[in-house]
Protein backbone atom coordinates (compact mmCIF):
# COMPACT_ATOMS: atom_id res chain seq x y z
CA MET A 1 -0.05 -0.05 0.00
CA ASP A 2 1.86 3.02 -1.27
CA GLU A 3 -0.59 5.64 -0.10
CA VAL A 4 -0.60 6.48 3.57
CA ILE A 5 -4.09 6.02 5.05
CA LYS A 6 -5.32 9.10 6.64
CA PRO A 7 -8.53 8.37 8.52
CA GLN A 8 -11.29 10.77 8.73
CA LEU A 9 -11.43 11.94 12.27
CA ASN A 10 -14.25 11.05 14.47
CA ALA A 11 -16.23 14.17 15.49
CA SER A 12 -17.00 12.60 18.79
CA ILE A 13 -13.53 12.09 19.93
CA ASP A 14 -13.64 15.33 22.02
CA ILE A 15 -16.18 13.78 24.25
CA GLU A 16 -15.37 11.51 27.12
CA ILE A 17 -16.19 7.79 26.61
CA SER A 18 -18.84 6.62 29.08
CA ASP A 19 -18.06 4.10 31.56
CA THR A 20 -20.67 1.84 30.02
CA ILE A 21 -18.96 2.00 26.58
CA LEU A 22 -15.63 1.28 28.20
CA THR A 23 -17.05 -1.72 30.12
CA GLU A 24 -18.51 -3.19 26.96
CA PHE A 25 -15.28 -2.74 25.07
CA LYS A 26 -13.26 -4.71 27.80
CA VAL A 27 -15.89 -7.42 27.82
CA PHE A 28 -15.60 -7.66 24.15
CA ILE A 29 -11.87 -7.64 23.97
CA THR A 30 -11.62 -10.09 26.84
CA THR A 31 -14.39 -12.45 25.47
CA VAL A 32 -13.57 -12.46 21.68
CA PRO A 33 -9.96 -13.65 20.68
CA ALA A 34 -8.24 -10.78 18.86
CA LYS A 35 -6.27 -13.17 16.63
CA ARG A 36 -9.52 -15.09 15.69
CA LEU A 37 -11.58 -12.07 14.95
CA ASN A 38 -8.76 -10.50 12.90
CA ARG A 39 -8.42 -13.65 10.80
CA ASN A 40 -12.23 -14.16 10.29
CA LEU A 41 -12.67 -10.53 9.29
CA ARG A 42 -9.98 -10.78 6.74
CA LYS A 43 -11.46 -14.00 5.40
CA MET A 44 -14.84 -12.38 5.09
CA LEU A 45 -13.28 -9.41 3.26
CA ALA A 46 -11.51 -11.70 0.80
CA ASP A 47 -14.75 -13.72 0.15
CA TYR A 48 -16.76 -10.48 -0.28
CA LEU A 49 -14.22 -9.08 -2.74
CA PHE A 50 -14.14 -12.44 -4.66
CA TYR A 51 -17.90 -12.48 -5.29
CA ASN A 52 -18.31 -8.56 -5.52
CA MET A 53 -15.33 -7.26 -7.25
CA ASP A 54 -17.25 -6.04 -10.31
CA ALA A 55 -19.65 -3.95 -8.19
CA LEU A 56 -18.09 -2.53 -5.24
CA PRO A 57 -19.79 0.26 -3.47
CA ILE A 58 -18.83 3.81 -4.14
CA ASP A 59 -17.57 4.28 -0.45
CA PHE A 60 -15.57 1.11 -0.50
CA LYS A 61 -12.29 3.10 0.08
CA ASP A 62 -13.79 4.31 3.43
CA LEU A 63 -14.72 0.68 4.28
CA LEU A 64 -11.14 -0.43 3.49
CA THR A 65 -9.68 2.39 5.69
CA ASP A 66 -11.93 1.62 8.66
CA LEU A 67 -11.06 -2.16 8.42
CA TYR A 68 -7.34 -1.22 8.17
CA TRP A 69 -7.56 0.65 11.45
CA LEU A 70 -9.65 -2.00 13.12
CA HIS A 71 -7.05 -4.59 12.15
CA GLU A 72 -4.23 -2.20 13.52
CA LEU A 73 -6.31 -2.23 16.87
CA LEU A 74 -6.70 -5.92 16.84
CA ASP A 75 -3.06 -6.53 16.05
CA GLU A 76 -2.15 -4.33 19.04
CA ILE A 77 -4.58 -6.19 21.37
CA GLU A 78 -3.20 -9.54 20.16
CA GLY A 79 0.41 -8.53 20.76
CA SER A 80 0.07 -7.02 24.09
CA ASP A 81 -0.63 -8.39 27.61
CA VAL A 82 -3.65 -6.23 28.36
CA ALA A 83 -4.82 -6.35 31.98
CA PHE A 84 -8.19 -5.10 32.69
């Protein structure tokens, strides 16, 4: 990937993340193995591309960018000994 991916900034980033959201995120990352989720999302993307490569949505680049950053997060979670 030659082009640097520049994510569109989330407008809600300036607000505090609620305790409920943080709790749910902690439950999610401790319940779902990051390596498995990462691998399964990549498989789903490959399958989707295989069957839809001639009719991708207009905003497909945004989808790829979002998935890139999600995979970066999952790689970081997988590679760290996170204690909650």
